[in-house]
């Protein structure tokens, strides 16, 4: 279970937070994202 703690400002209701990953020798790729206020989620197919 990964965690990401944010600080420095209050996010607007339009904020989107995402997870990305980069394997050795590969480009960084999208993993998942969540809309801050609605809780709507997005995933890459492989996960």
ModelCIF file with pLDDT and N, C-alpha, C, O atoms, coordinates in Angstrom:
data_MODEL
#
_entry.id   MODEL 
#
_entity.id                         1 
_entity.type                       polymer 
_entity.pdbx_number_of_molecules   1 
#
_entity_poly.entity_id                      1 
_entity_poly.type                           'polypeptide(L)' 
_entity_poly.nstd_linkage                   no 
_entity_poly.nstd_monomer                   no 
_entity_poly.pdbx_seq_one_letter_code       
;(UNK)(UNK)(UNK)(UNK)(UNK)(UNK)(UNK)(UNK)(UNK)(UNK)(UNK)(UNK)(UNK)(UNK)(UNK)(UNK)
(UNK)(UNK)(UNK)(UNK)(UNK)(UNK)(UNK)(UNK)(UNK)(UNK)(UNK)(UNK)(UNK)(UNK)(UNK)(UNK)
(UNK)(UNK)(UNK)(UNK)(UNK)(UNK)(UNK)(UNK)(UNK)(UNK)(UNK)(UNK)(UNK)(UNK)(UNK)
;
_entity_poly.pdbx_seq_one_letter_code_can   XXXXXXXXXXXXXXXXXXXXXXXXXXXXXXXXXXXXXXXXXXXXXXX 
_entity_poly.pdbx_strand_id                 A 
#
loop_
_entity_poly_seq.entity_id 
_entity_poly_seq.num 
_entity_poly_seq.mon_id 
_entity_poly_seq.hetero 
1 1  UNK n 
1 2  UNK n 
1 3  UNK n 
1 4  UNK n 
1 5  UNK n 
1 6  UNK n 
1 7  UNK n 
1 8  UNK n 
1 9  UNK n 
1 10 UNK n 
1 11 UNK n 
1 12 UNK n 
1 13 UNK n 
1 14 UNK n 
1 15 UNK n 
1 16 UNK n 
1 17 UNK n 
1 18 UNK n 
1 19 UNK n 
1 20 UNK n 
1 21 UNK n 
1 22 UNK n 
1 23 UNK n 
1 24 UNK n 
1 25 UNK n 
1 26 UNK n 
1 27 UNK n 
1 28 UNK n 
1 29 UNK n 
1 30 UNK n 
1 31 UNK n 
1 32 UNK n 
1 33 UNK n 
1 34 UNK n 
1 35 UNK n 
1 36 UNK n 
1 37 UNK n 
1 38 UNK n 
1 39 UNK n 
1 40 UNK n 
1 41 UNK n 
1 42 UNK n 
1 43 UNK n 
1 44 UNK n 
1 45 UNK n 
1 46 UNK n 
1 47 UNK n 
#
_struct_asym.id          A 
_struct_asym.entity_id   1 
#
loop_
_ma_qa_metric.id 
_ma_qa_metric.mode 
_ma_qa_metric.name 
_ma_qa_metric.software_group_id 
_ma_qa_metric.type 
1 global pLDDT . pLDDT 
2 local  pLDDT . pLDDT 
#
_ma_qa_metric_global.metric_id      1 
_ma_qa_metric_global.metric_value   94.57 
_ma_qa_metric_global.model_id       1 
_ma_qa_metric_global.ordinal_id     1 
#
loop_
_ma_qa_metric_local.label_asym_id 
_ma_qa_metric_local.label_comp_id 
_ma_qa_metric_local.label_seq_id 
_ma_qa_metric_local.metric_id 
_ma_qa_metric_local.metric_value 
_ma_qa_metric_local.model_id 
_ma_qa_metric_local.ordinal_id 
A UNK 1  2 98.00 1 1  
A UNK 2  2 98.00 1 2  
A UNK 3  2 98.00 1 3  
A UNK 4  2 97.00 1 4  
A UNK 5  2 96.00 1 5  
A UNK 6  2 95.00 1 6  
A UNK 7  2 93.00 1 7  
A UNK 8  2 92.00 1 8  
A UNK 9  2 85.00 1 9  
A UNK 10 2 82.00 1 10 
A UNK 11 2 84.00 1 11 
A UNK 12 2 83.00 1 12 
A UNK 13 2 86.00 1 13 
A UNK 14 2 91.00 1 14 
A UNK 15 2 94.00 1 15 
A UNK 16 2 96.00 1 16 
A UNK 17 2 96.00 1 17 
A UNK 18 2 97.00 1 18 
A UNK 19 2 98.00 1 19 
A UNK 20 2 98.00 1 20 
A UNK 21 2 98.00 1 21 
A UNK 22 2 98.00 1 22 
A UNK 23 2 97.00 1 23 
A UNK 24 2 93.00 1 24 
A UNK 25 2 95.00 1 25 
A UNK 26 2 97.00 1 26 
A UNK 27 2 97.00 1 27 
A UNK 28 2 98.00 1 28 
A UNK 29 2 98.00 1 29 
A UNK 30 2 98.00 1 30 
A UNK 31 2 98.00 1 31 
A UNK 32 2 98.00 1 32 
A UNK 33 2 98.00 1 33 
A UNK 34 2 97.00 1 34 
A UNK 35 2 95.00 1 35 
A UNK 36 2 89.00 1 36 
A UNK 37 2 88.00 1 37 
A UNK 38 2 90.00 1 38 
A UNK 39 2 91.00 1 39 
A UNK 40 2 94.00 1 40 
A UNK 41 2 97.00 1 41 
A UNK 42 2 97.00 1 42 
A UNK 43 2 98.00 1 43 
A UNK 44 2 97.00 1 44 
A UNK 45 2 97.00 1 45 
A UNK 46 2 97.00 1 46 
A UNK 47 2 98.00 1 47 
#
loop_
_atom_site.group_PDB 
_atom_site.id 
_atom_site.type_symbol 
_atom_site.label_atom_id 
_atom_site.label_alt_id 
_atom_site.label_comp_id 
_atom_site.label_asym_id 
_atom_site.label_entity_id 
_atom_site.label_seq_id 
_atom_site.pdbx_PDB_ins_code 
_atom_site.Cartn_x 
_atom_site.Cartn_y 
_atom_site.Cartn_z 
_atom_site.occupancy 
_atom_site.B_iso_or_equiv 
_atom_site.pdbx_formal_charge 
_atom_site.auth_seq_id 
_atom_site.auth_comp_id 
_atom_site.auth_asym_id 
_atom_site.auth_atom_id 
_atom_site.pdbx_PDB_model_num 
ATOM 1   N N  . UNK A 1 1  ? 0.849   -1.185 0.000   1.00 98.00 ? 1  UNK A N  1 
ATOM 2   C CA . UNK A 1 1  ? 0.000   0.000  0.000   1.00 98.00 ? 1  UNK A CA 1 
ATOM 3   C C  . UNK A 1 1  ? 0.886   1.236  0.000   1.00 98.00 ? 1  UNK A C  1 
ATOM 4   O O  . UNK A 1 1  ? 1.637   1.483  0.944   1.00 98.00 ? 1  UNK A O  1 
ATOM 5   N N  . UNK A 1 2  ? 0.786   1.996  -1.059  1.00 98.00 ? 2  UNK A N  1 
ATOM 6   C CA . UNK A 1 2  ? 1.538   3.244  -1.160  1.00 98.00 ? 2  UNK A CA 1 
ATOM 7   C C  . UNK A 1 2  ? 0.698   4.406  -0.645  1.00 98.00 ? 2  UNK A C  1 
ATOM 8   O O  . UNK A 1 2  ? -0.525  4.416  -0.782  1.00 98.00 ? 2  UNK A O  1 
ATOM 9   N N  . UNK A 1 3  ? 1.372   5.378  -0.055  1.00 98.00 ? 3  UNK A N  1 
ATOM 10  C CA . UNK A 1 3  ? 0.726   6.592  0.404   1.00 98.00 ? 3  UNK A CA 1 
ATOM 11  C C  . UNK A 1 3  ? 1.408   7.786  -0.221  1.00 98.00 ? 3  UNK A C  1 
ATOM 12  O O  . UNK A 1 3  ? 2.603   7.756  -0.515  1.00 98.00 ? 3  UNK A O  1 
ATOM 13  N N  . UNK A 1 4  ? 0.639   8.832  -0.419  1.00 97.00 ? 4  UNK A N  1 
ATOM 14  C CA . UNK A 1 4  ? 1.183   10.100 -0.919  1.00 97.00 ? 4  UNK A CA 1 
ATOM 15  C C  . UNK A 1 4  ? 0.549   11.221 -0.100  1.00 97.00 ? 4  UNK A C  1 
ATOM 16  O O  . UNK A 1 4  ? -0.646  11.496 -0.216  1.00 97.00 ? 4  UNK A O  1 
ATOM 17  N N  . UNK A 1 5  ? 1.368   11.856 0.724   1.00 96.00 ? 5  UNK A N  1 
ATOM 18  C CA . UNK A 1 5  ? 0.884   12.947 1.568   1.00 96.00 ? 5  UNK A CA 1 
ATOM 19  C C  . UNK A 1 5  ? 1.202   14.283 0.909   1.00 96.00 ? 5  UNK A C  1 
ATOM 20  O O  . UNK A 1 5  ? 2.337   14.545 0.509   1.00 96.00 ? 5  UNK A O  1 
ATOM 21  N N  . UNK A 1 6  ? 0.184   15.114 0.806   1.00 95.00 ? 6  UNK A N  1 
ATOM 22  C CA . UNK A 1 6  ? 0.332   16.423 0.171   1.00 95.00 ? 6  UNK A CA 1 
ATOM 23  C C  . UNK A 1 6  ? 0.306   17.530 1.215   1.00 95.00 ? 6  UNK A C  1 
ATOM 24  O O  . UNK A 1 6  ? -0.425  17.452 2.202   1.00 95.00 ? 6  UNK A O  1 
ATOM 25  N N  . UNK A 1 7  ? 1.100   18.543 0.988   1.00 93.00 ? 7  UNK A N  1 
ATOM 26  C CA . UNK A 1 7  ? 1.111   19.702 1.885   1.00 93.00 ? 7  UNK A CA 1 
ATOM 27  C C  . UNK A 1 7  ? 1.441   20.952 1.077   1.00 93.00 ? 7  UNK A C  1 
ATOM 28  O O  . UNK A 1 7  ? 1.911   20.867 -0.058  1.00 93.00 ? 7  UNK A O  1 
ATOM 29  N N  . UNK A 1 8  ? 1.194   22.090 1.667   1.00 92.00 ? 8  UNK A N  1 
ATOM 30  C CA . UNK A 1 8  ? 1.572   23.347 1.043   1.00 92.00 ? 8  UNK A CA 1 
ATOM 31  C C  . UNK A 1 8  ? 0.397   24.202 0.591   1.00 92.00 ? 8  UNK A C  1 
ATOM 32  O O  . UNK A 1 8  ? 0.498   25.428 0.543   1.00 92.00 ? 8  UNK A O  1 
ATOM 33  N N  . UNK A 1 9  ? -0.710  23.559 0.261   1.00 85.00 ? 9  UNK A N  1 
ATOM 34  C CA . UNK A 1 9  ? -1.887  24.328 -0.121  1.00 85.00 ? 9  UNK A CA 1 
ATOM 35  C C  . UNK A 1 9  ? -3.110  23.445 -0.055  1.00 85.00 ? 9  UNK A C  1 
ATOM 36  O O  . UNK A 1 9  ? -3.002  22.219 -0.050  1.00 85.00 ? 9  UNK A O  1 
ATOM 37  N N  . UNK A 1 10 ? -4.267  24.063 -0.004  1.00 82.00 ? 10 UNK A N  1 
ATOM 38  C CA . UNK A 1 10 ? -5.524  23.327 -0.054  1.00 82.00 ? 10 UNK A CA 1 
ATOM 39  C C  . UNK A 1 10 ? -5.911  23.137 -1.511  1.00 82.00 ? 10 UNK A C  1 
ATOM 40  O O  . UNK A 1 10 ? -5.920  24.090 -2.289  1.00 82.00 ? 10 UNK A O  1 
ATOM 41  N N  . UNK A 1 11 ? -6.227  21.913 -1.871  1.00 84.00 ? 11 UNK A N  1 
ATOM 42  C CA . UNK A 1 11 ? -6.575  21.626 -3.256  1.00 84.00 ? 11 UNK A CA 1 
ATOM 43  C C  . UNK A 1 11 ? -7.993  22.066 -3.557  1.00 84.00 ? 11 UNK A C  1 
ATOM 44  O O  . UNK A 1 11 ? -8.890  21.950 -2.722  1.00 84.00 ? 11 UNK A O  1 
ATOM 45  N N  . UNK A 1 12 ? -8.176  22.570 -4.759  1.00 83.00 ? 12 UNK A N  1 
ATOM 46  C CA . UNK A 1 12 ? -9.510  22.922 -5.214  1.00 83.00 ? 12 UNK A CA 1 
ATOM 47  C C  . UNK A 1 12 ? -10.298 21.656 -5.498  1.00 83.00 ? 12 UNK A C  1 
ATOM 48  O O  . UNK A 1 12 ? -9.747  20.555 -5.526  1.00 83.00 ? 12 UNK A O  1 
ATOM 49  N N  . UNK A 1 13 ? -11.582 21.828 -5.707  1.00 86.00 ? 13 UNK A N  1 
ATOM 50  C CA . UNK A 1 13 ? -12.423 20.655 -6.007  1.00 86.00 ? 13 UNK A CA 1 
ATOM 51  C C  . UNK A 1 13 ? -12.159 20.118 -7.405  1.00 86.00 ? 13 UNK A C  1 
ATOM 52  O O  . UNK A 1 13 ? -12.702 19.079 -7.781  1.00 86.00 ? 13 UNK A O  1 
ATOM 53  N N  . UNK A 1 14 ? -11.346 20.801 -8.165  1.00 91.00 ? 14 UNK A N  1 
ATOM 54  C CA . UNK A 1 14 ? -11.033 20.355 -9.520  1.00 91.00 ? 14 UNK A CA 1 
ATOM 55  C C  . UNK A 1 14 ? -9.725  19.564 -9.580  1.00 91.00 ? 14 UNK A C  1 
ATOM 56  O O  . UNK A 1 14 ? -9.310  19.122 -10.652 1.00 91.00 ? 14 UNK A O  1 
ATOM 57  N N  . UNK A 1 15 ? -9.097  19.394 -8.456  1.00 94.00 ? 15 UNK A N  1 
ATOM 58  C CA . UNK A 1 15 ? -7.786  18.743 -8.476  1.00 94.00 ? 15 UNK A CA 1 
ATOM 59  C C  . UNK A 1 15 ? -7.900  17.260 -8.802  1.00 94.00 ? 15 UNK A C  1 
ATOM 60  O O  . UNK A 1 15 ? -8.873  16.593 -8.450  1.00 94.00 ? 15 UNK A O  1 
ATOM 61  N N  . UNK A 1 16 ? -6.887  16.776 -9.477  1.00 96.00 ? 16 UNK A N  1 
ATOM 62  C CA . UNK A 1 16 ? -6.770  15.361 -9.819  1.00 96.00 ? 16 UNK A CA 1 
ATOM 63  C C  . UNK A 1 16 ? -5.421  14.874 -9.312  1.00 96.00 ? 16 UNK A C  1 
ATOM 64  O O  . UNK A 1 16 ? -4.389  15.476 -9.609  1.00 96.00 ? 16 UNK A O  1 
ATOM 65  N N  . UNK A 1 17 ? -5.426  13.796 -8.556  1.00 96.00 ? 17 UNK A N  1 
ATOM 66  C CA . UNK A 1 17 ? -4.158  13.250 -8.070  1.00 96.00 ? 17 UNK A CA 1 
ATOM 67  C C  . UNK A 1 17 ? -3.914  11.888 -8.717  1.00 96.00 ? 17 UNK A C  1 
ATOM 68  O O  . UNK A 1 17 ? -4.816  11.059 -8.827  1.00 96.00 ? 17 UNK A O  1 
ATOM 69  N N  . UNK A 1 18 ? -2.695  11.690 -9.129  1.00 97.00 ? 18 UNK A N  1 
ATOM 70  C CA . UNK A 1 18 ? -2.402  10.479 -9.867  1.00 97.00 ? 18 UNK A CA 1 
ATOM 71  C C  . UNK A 1 18 ? -1.170  9.746  -9.379  1.00 97.00 ? 18 UNK A C  1 
ATOM 72  O O  . UNK A 1 18 ? -0.321  10.304 -8.683  1.00 97.00 ? 18 UNK A O  1 
ATOM 73  N N  . UNK A 1 19 ? -1.094  8.491  -9.760  1.00 98.00 ? 19 UNK A N  1 
ATOM 74  C CA . UNK A 1 19 ? 0.087   7.661  -9.552  1.00 98.00 ? 19 UNK A CA 1 
ATOM 75  C C  . UNK A 1 19 ? 0.657   7.306  -10.916 1.00 98.00 ? 19 UNK A C  1 
ATOM 76  O O  . UNK A 1 19 ? -0.070  6.941  -11.840 1.00 98.00 ? 19 UNK A O  1 
ATOM 77  N N  . UNK A 1 20 ? 1.953   7.420  -11.018 1.00 98.00 ? 20 UNK A N  1 
ATOM 78  C CA . UNK A 1 20 ? 2.686   7.024  -12.218 1.00 98.00 ? 20 UNK A CA 1 
ATOM 79  C C  . UNK A 1 20 ? 3.823   6.111  -11.781 1.00 98.00 ? 20 UNK A C  1 
ATOM 80  O O  . UNK A 1 20 ? 4.150   6.038  -10.597 1.00 98.00 ? 20 UNK A O  1 
ATOM 81  N N  . UNK A 1 21 ? 4.415   5.422  -12.733 1.00 98.00 ? 21 UNK A N  1 
ATOM 82  C CA . UNK A 1 21 ? 5.557   4.570  -12.405 1.00 98.00 ? 21 UNK A CA 1 
ATOM 83  C C  . UNK A 1 21 ? 6.542   4.557  -13.549 1.00 98.00 ? 21 UNK A C  1 
ATOM 84  O O  . UNK A 1 21 ? 6.188   4.771  -14.708 1.00 98.00 ? 21 UNK A O  1 
ATOM 85  N N  . UNK A 1 22 ? 7.787   4.300  -13.196 1.00 98.00 ? 22 UNK A N  1 
ATOM 86  C CA . UNK A 1 22 ? 8.841   4.204  -14.202 1.00 98.00 ? 22 UNK A CA 1 
ATOM 87  C C  . UNK A 1 22 ? 9.735   3.038  -13.876 1.00 98.00 ? 22 UNK A C  1 
ATOM 88  O O  . UNK A 1 22 ? 10.396  3.011  -12.838 1.00 98.00 ? 22 UNK A O  1 
ATOM 89  N N  . UNK A 1 23 ? 9.749   2.074  -14.774 1.00 97.00 ? 23 UNK A N  1 
ATOM 90  C CA . UNK A 1 23 ? 10.614  0.905  -14.638 1.00 97.00 ? 23 UNK A CA 1 
ATOM 91  C C  . UNK A 1 23 ? 11.967  1.213  -15.276 1.00 97.00 ? 23 UNK A C  1 
ATOM 92  O O  . UNK A 1 23 ? 12.063  2.090  -16.134 1.00 97.00 ? 23 UNK A O  1 
ATOM 93  N N  . UNK A 1 24 ? 13.006  0.498  -14.861 1.00 93.00 ? 24 UNK A N  1 
ATOM 94  C CA . UNK A 1 24 ? 14.341  0.737  -15.443 1.00 93.00 ? 24 UNK A CA 1 
ATOM 95  C C  . UNK A 1 24 ? 14.332  0.609  -16.960 1.00 93.00 ? 24 UNK A C  1 
ATOM 96  O O  . UNK A 1 24 ? 13.857  -0.385 -17.509 1.00 93.00 ? 24 UNK A O  1 
ATOM 97  N N  . UNK A 1 25 ? 14.857  1.615  -17.620 1.00 95.00 ? 25 UNK A N  1 
ATOM 98  C CA . UNK A 1 25 ? 14.950  1.582  -19.068 1.00 95.00 ? 25 UNK A CA 1 
ATOM 99  C C  . UNK A 1 25 ? 13.661  1.861  -19.813 1.00 95.00 ? 25 UNK A C  1 
ATOM 100 O O  . UNK A 1 25 ? 13.608  1.752  -21.038 1.00 95.00 ? 25 UNK A O  1 
ATOM 101 N N  . UNK A 1 26 ? 12.629  2.219  -19.080 1.00 97.00 ? 26 UNK A N  1 
ATOM 102 C CA . UNK A 1 26 ? 11.338  2.467  -19.720 1.00 97.00 ? 26 UNK A CA 1 
ATOM 103 C C  . UNK A 1 26 ? 10.864  3.877  -19.404 1.00 97.00 ? 26 UNK A C  1 
ATOM 104 O O  . UNK A 1 26 ? 11.358  4.530  -18.485 1.00 97.00 ? 26 UNK A O  1 
ATOM 105 N N  . UNK A 1 27 ? 9.902   4.323  -20.184 1.00 97.00 ? 27 UNK A N  1 
ATOM 106 C CA . UNK A 1 27 ? 9.328   5.633  -19.941 1.00 97.00 ? 27 UNK A CA 1 
ATOM 107 C C  . UNK A 1 27 ? 8.350   5.571  -18.768 1.00 97.00 ? 27 UNK A C  1 
ATOM 108 O O  . UNK A 1 27 ? 7.780   4.526  -18.452 1.00 97.00 ? 27 UNK A O  1 
ATOM 109 N N  . UNK A 1 28 ? 8.184   6.716  -18.147 1.00 98.00 ? 28 UNK A N  1 
ATOM 110 C CA . UNK A 1 28 ? 7.215   6.793  -17.067 1.00 98.00 ? 28 UNK A CA 1 
ATOM 111 C C  . UNK A 1 28 ? 5.807   6.613  -17.640 1.00 98.00 ? 28 UNK A C  1 
ATOM 112 O O  . UNK A 1 28 ? 5.495   7.130  -18.713 1.00 98.00 ? 28 UNK A O  1 
ATOM 113 N N  . UNK A 1 29 ? 4.962   5.874  -16.914 1.00 98.00 ? 29 UNK A N  1 
ATOM 114 C CA . UNK A 1 29 ? 3.628   5.593  -17.406 1.00 98.00 ? 29 UNK A CA 1 
ATOM 115 C C  . UNK A 1 29 ? 2.578   5.831  -16.323 1.00 98.00 ? 29 UNK A C  1 
ATOM 116 O O  . UNK A 1 29 ? 2.849   5.746  -15.126 1.00 98.00 ? 29 UNK A O  1 
ATOM 117 N N  . UNK A 1 30 ? 1.387   6.128  -16.788 1.00 98.00 ? 30 UNK A N  1 
ATOM 118 C CA . UNK A 1 30 ? 0.256   6.350  -15.910 1.00 98.00 ? 30 UNK A CA 1 
ATOM 119 C C  . UNK A 1 30 ? -0.173  5.041  -15.259 1.00 98.00 ? 30 UNK A C  1 
ATOM 120 O O  . UNK A 1 30 ? -0.159  3.987  -15.894 1.00 98.00 ? 30 UNK A O  1 
ATOM 121 N N  . UNK A 1 31 ? -0.556  5.120  -13.980 1.00 98.00 ? 31 UNK A N  1 
ATOM 122 C CA . UNK A 1 31 ? -1.069  3.948  -13.276 1.00 98.00 ? 31 UNK A CA 1 
ATOM 123 C C  . UNK A 1 31 ? -2.532  4.155  -12.893 1.00 98.00 ? 31 UNK A C  1 
ATOM 124 O O  . UNK A 1 31 ? -3.394  3.352  -13.251 1.00 98.00 ? 31 UNK A O  1 
ATOM 125 N N  . UNK A 1 32 ? -2.802  5.220  -12.172 1.00 98.00 ? 32 UNK A N  1 
ATOM 126 C CA . UNK A 1 32 ? -4.165  5.473  -11.696 1.00 98.00 ? 32 UNK A CA 1 
ATOM 127 C C  . UNK A 1 32 ? -4.286  6.931  -11.287 1.00 98.00 ? 32 UNK A C  1 
ATOM 128 O O  . UNK A 1 32 ? -3.287  7.604  -11.033 1.00 98.00 ? 32 UNK A O  1 
ATOM 129 N N  . UNK A 1 33 ? -5.524  7.410  -11.227 1.00 98.00 ? 33 UNK A N  1 
ATOM 130 C CA . UNK A 1 33 ? -5.767  8.774  -10.785 1.00 98.00 ? 33 UNK A CA 1 
ATOM 131 C C  . UNK A 1 33 ? -7.113  8.843  -10.088 1.00 98.00 ? 33 UNK A C  1 
ATOM 132 O O  . UNK A 1 33 ? -7.998  8.019  -10.318 1.00 98.00 ? 33 UNK A O  1 
ATOM 133 N N  . UNK A 1 34 ? -7.245  9.851  -9.228  1.00 97.00 ? 34 UNK A N  1 
ATOM 134 C CA . UNK A 1 34 ? -8.490  10.034 -8.505  1.00 97.00 ? 34 UNK A CA 1 
ATOM 135 C C  . UNK A 1 34 ? -8.839  11.521 -8.477  1.00 97.00 ? 34 UNK A C  1 
ATOM 136 O O  . UNK A 1 34 ? -7.993  12.370 -8.196  1.00 97.00 ? 34 UNK A O  1 
ATOM 137 N N  . UNK A 1 35 ? -10.096 11.813 -8.774  1.00 95.00 ? 35 UNK A N  1 
ATOM 138 C CA . UNK A 1 35 ? -10.560 13.192 -8.726  1.00 95.00 ? 35 UNK A CA 1 
ATOM 139 C C  . UNK A 1 35 ? -10.759 13.577 -7.267  1.00 95.00 ? 35 UNK A C  1 
ATOM 140 O O  . UNK A 1 35 ? -11.399 12.848 -6.510  1.00 95.00 ? 35 UNK A O  1 
ATOM 141 N N  . UNK A 1 36 ? -10.214 14.718 -6.874  1.00 89.00 ? 36 UNK A N  1 
ATOM 142 C CA . UNK A 1 36 ? -10.130 15.067 -5.457  1.00 89.00 ? 36 UNK A CA 1 
ATOM 143 C C  . UNK A 1 36 ? -11.493 15.198 -4.793  1.00 89.00 ? 36 UNK A C  1 
ATOM 144 O O  . UNK A 1 36 ? -11.663 14.775 -3.650  1.00 89.00 ? 36 UNK A O  1 
ATOM 145 N N  . UNK A 1 37 ? -12.477 15.782 -5.498  1.00 88.00 ? 37 UNK A N  1 
ATOM 146 C CA . UNK A 1 37 ? -13.766 16.028 -4.856  1.00 88.00 ? 37 UNK A CA 1 
ATOM 147 C C  . UNK A 1 37 ? -14.797 14.950 -5.159  1.00 88.00 ? 37 UNK A C  1 
ATOM 148 O O  . UNK A 1 37 ? -15.580 14.585 -4.282  1.00 88.00 ? 37 UNK A O  1 
ATOM 149 N N  . UNK A 1 38 ? -14.813 14.439 -6.372  1.00 90.00 ? 38 UNK A N  1 
ATOM 150 C CA . UNK A 1 38 ? -15.860 13.467 -6.729  1.00 90.00 ? 38 UNK A CA 1 
ATOM 151 C C  . UNK A 1 38 ? -15.468 12.042 -6.373  1.00 90.00 ? 38 UNK A C  1 
ATOM 152 O O  . UNK A 1 38 ? -16.324 11.171 -6.221  1.00 90.00 ? 38 UNK A O  1 
ATOM 153 N N  . UNK A 1 39 ? -14.164 11.812 -6.241  1.00 91.00 ? 39 UNK A N  1 
ATOM 154 C CA . UNK A 1 39 ? -13.701 10.447 -5.984  1.00 91.00 ? 39 UNK A CA 1 
ATOM 155 C C  . UNK A 1 39 ? -13.677 9.579  -7.222  1.00 91.00 ? 39 UNK A C  1 
ATOM 156 O O  . UNK A 1 39 ? -13.398 8.383  -7.138  1.00 91.00 ? 39 UNK A O  1 
ATOM 157 N N  . UNK A 1 40 ? -13.967 10.170 -8.377  1.00 94.00 ? 40 UNK A N  1 
ATOM 158 C CA . UNK A 1 40 ? -13.903 9.410  -9.612  1.00 94.00 ? 40 UNK A CA 1 
ATOM 159 C C  . UNK A 1 40 ? -12.500 8.888  -9.870  1.00 94.00 ? 40 UNK A C  1 
ATOM 160 O O  . UNK A 1 40 ? -11.519 9.592  -9.630  1.00 94.00 ? 40 UNK A O  1 
ATOM 161 N N  . UNK A 1 41 ? -12.398 7.658  -10.357 1.00 97.00 ? 41 UNK A N  1 
ATOM 162 C CA . UNK A 1 41 ? -11.090 7.033  -10.522 1.00 97.00 ? 41 UNK A CA 1 
ATOM 163 C C  . UNK A 1 41 ? -10.831 6.608  -11.960 1.00 97.00 ? 41 UNK A C  1 
ATOM 164 O O  . UNK A 1 41 ? -11.752 6.382  -12.746 1.00 97.00 ? 41 UNK A O  1 
ATOM 165 N N  . UNK A 1 42 ? -9.553  6.509  -12.271 1.00 97.00 ? 42 UNK A N  1 
ATOM 166 C CA . UNK A 1 42 ? -9.091  6.085  -13.586 1.00 97.00 ? 42 UNK A CA 1 
ATOM 167 C C  . UNK A 1 42 ? -7.932  5.114  -13.376 1.00 97.00 ? 42 UNK A C  1 
ATOM 168 O O  . UNK A 1 42 ? -7.131  5.281  -12.456 1.00 97.00 ? 42 UNK A O  1 
ATOM 169 N N  . UNK A 1 43 ? -7.849  4.101  -14.235 1.00 98.00 ? 43 UNK A N  1 
ATOM 170 C CA . UNK A 1 43 ? -6.775  3.098  -14.123 1.00 98.00 ? 43 UNK A CA 1 
ATOM 171 C C  . UNK A 1 43 ? -6.243  2.739  -15.492 1.00 98.00 ? 43 UNK A C  1 
ATOM 172 O O  . UNK A 1 43 ? -6.966  2.799  -16.487 1.00 98.00 ? 43 UNK A O  1 
ATOM 173 N N  . UNK A 1 44 ? -4.985  2.367  -15.540 1.00 97.00 ? 44 UNK A N  1 
ATOM 174 C CA . UNK A 1 44 ? -4.472  1.760  -16.761 1.00 97.00 ? 44 UNK A CA 1 
ATOM 175 C C  . UNK A 1 44 ? -4.968  0.316  -16.782 1.00 97.00 ? 44 UNK A C  1 
ATOM 176 O O  . UNK A 1 44 ? -5.201  -0.285 -15.733 1.00 97.00 ? 44 UNK A O  1 
ATOM 177 N N  . UNK A 1 45 ? -5.126  -0.226 -17.970 1.00 97.00 ? 45 UNK A N  1 
ATOM 178 C CA . UNK A 1 45 ? -5.758  -1.541 -18.113 1.00 97.00 ? 45 UNK A CA 1 
ATOM 179 C C  . UNK A 1 45 ? -5.027  -2.636 -17.350 1.00 97.00 ? 45 UNK A C  1 
ATOM 180 O O  . UNK A 1 45 ? -5.663  -3.523 -16.781 1.00 97.00 ? 45 UNK A O  1 
ATOM 181 N N  . UNK A 1 46 ? -3.711  -2.585 -17.334 1.00 97.00 ? 46 UNK A N  1 
ATOM 182 C CA . UNK A 1 46 ? -2.951  -3.689 -16.750 1.00 97.00 ? 46 UNK A CA 1 
ATOM 183 C C  . UNK A 1 46 ? -3.054  -3.779 -15.234 1.00 97.00 ? 46 UNK A C  1 
ATOM 184 O O  . UNK A 1 46 ? -2.633  -4.777 -14.649 1.00 97.00 ? 46 UNK A O  1 
ATOM 185 N N  . UNK A 1 47 ? -3.601  -2.765 -14.590 1.00 98.00 ? 47 UNK A N  1 
ATOM 186 C CA . UNK A 1 47 ? -3.720  -2.816 -13.134 1.00 98.00 ? 47 UNK A CA 1 
ATOM 187 C C  . UNK A 1 47 ? -5.174  -2.896 -12.673 1.00 98.00 ? 47 UNK A C  1 
ATOM 188 O O  . UNK A 1 47 ? -5.440  -2.945 -11.472 1.00 98.00 ? 47 UNK A O  1 
#
